[in-house]
């Protein structure tokens, strides 16, 4: 499965001691869906039933605007 994620961040998130969880660890988001990106907030659970070989776009990641299966990824030059 592949998913297209639009990121709105314009710079890095500096990890410091305030970001350490109760268990002494820091979970970094690897799916791109977290509302607390770059930290994991459990949003990856929405991907559990994705099918292999299909492409998905997540917009809003809420009950009103869930994921959509898409036919293809189209990339354009930003020049």
Protein backbone atom coordinates (compact mmCIF):
# COMPACT_ATOMS: atom_id res chain seq x y z
CA UNK A 1 0.00 0.00 0.00
CA UNK A 2 1.06 3.54 -0.69
CA UNK A 3 -0.40 6.72 0.73
CA UNK A 4 -0.03 10.36 -0.24
CA UNK A 5 0.39 12.69 2.71
CA UNK A 6 0.52 16.48 2.49
CA UNK A 7 2.79 18.02 5.10
CA UNK A 8 2.37 21.64 6.14
CA UNK A 9 5.47 21.97 8.33
CA UNK A 10 8.03 24.52 7.22
CA UNK A 11 10.87 23.50 9.50
CA UNK A 12 12.17 20.86 11.86
CA UNK A 13 10.79 19.90 15.25
CA UNK A 14 13.54 19.96 17.83
CA UNK A 15 13.18 17.04 20.25
CA UNK A 16 13.93 17.91 23.85
CA UNK A 17 13.34 16.44 27.30
CA UNK A 18 9.73 17.75 27.38
CA UNK A 19 8.92 15.41 24.46
CA UNK A 20 9.84 12.25 26.34
CA UNK A 21 6.77 10.18 27.19
CA UNK A 22 5.86 8.60 30.50
CA UNK A 23 7.68 5.40 29.54
CA UNK A 24 10.85 7.31 28.71
CA UNK A 25 10.51 6.95 24.95
CA UNK A 26 9.73 9.16 21.97
CA UNK A 27 7.55 7.71 19.20
CA UNK A 28 8.25 9.28 15.81
CA UNK A 29 5.44 9.12 13.22
CA UNK A 30 6.33 6.95 10.24
CA UNK A 31 2.93 6.99 8.47
CA UNK A 32 2.65 10.77 8.05
CA UNK A 33 -0.87 11.00 9.47
CA UNK A 34 -0.17 12.22 13.00
CA UNK A 35 -1.81 15.46 14.09
CA UNK A 36 1.20 15.92 16.36
CA UNK A 37 3.77 15.27 13.62
CA UNK A 38 6.64 14.37 13.88
CA UNK A 39 5.41 12.53 16.97
CA UNK A 40 3.10 9.52 16.78
CA UNK A 41 -0.43 10.09 18.07
CA UNK A 42 -1.84 6.68 17.07
CA UNK A 43 -3.28 7.87 13.75
CA UNK A 44 -1.54 4.96 12.01
CA UNK A 45 -4.34 2.73 13.30
CA UNK A 46 -6.46 4.11 10.42
CA UNK A 47 -4.14 2.30 7.98
CA UNK A 48 -4.66 -1.17 9.45
CA UNK A 49 -7.07 -2.33 6.77
CA UNK A 50 -5.30 -0.84 3.73
CA UNK A 51 -4.99 -3.33 0.89
CA UNK A 52 -1.63 -4.16 -0.69
CA UNK A 53 -1.24 -2.76 -4.19
CA UNK A 54 -3.72 0.10 -3.70
CA UNK A 55 -3.00 3.81 -3.42
CA UNK A 56 -4.62 5.99 -0.77
CA UNK A 57 -4.95 9.71 -0.09
CA UNK A 58 -5.84 10.90 3.38
CA UNK A 59 -7.47 14.32 3.60
CA UNK A 60 -8.40 15.71 6.98
CA UNK A 61 -8.18 12.27 8.58
CA UNK A 62 -11.54 12.57 10.32
CA UNK A 63 -15.00 10.98 10.17
CA UNK A 64 -16.26 13.54 7.65
CA UNK A 65 -13.34 13.27 5.25
CA UNK A 66 -11.86 9.80 5.36
CA UNK A 67 -9.26 8.23 3.11
CA UNK A 68 -9.86 7.86 -0.58
CA UNK A 69 -8.51 5.22 -2.92
CA UNK A 70 -6.81 6.86 -5.91
CA UNK A 71 -5.92 5.49 -9.33
CA UNK A 72 -2.38 6.84 -9.54
CA UNK A 73 0.18 9.19 -8.06
CA UNK A 74 0.92 12.16 -10.31
CA UNK A 75 4.04 14.21 -9.66
CA UNK A 76 4.67 17.61 -11.18
CA UNK A 77 7.78 19.76 -11.34
CA UNK A 78 7.64 22.77 -9.04
CA UNK A 79 10.00 24.81 -11.23
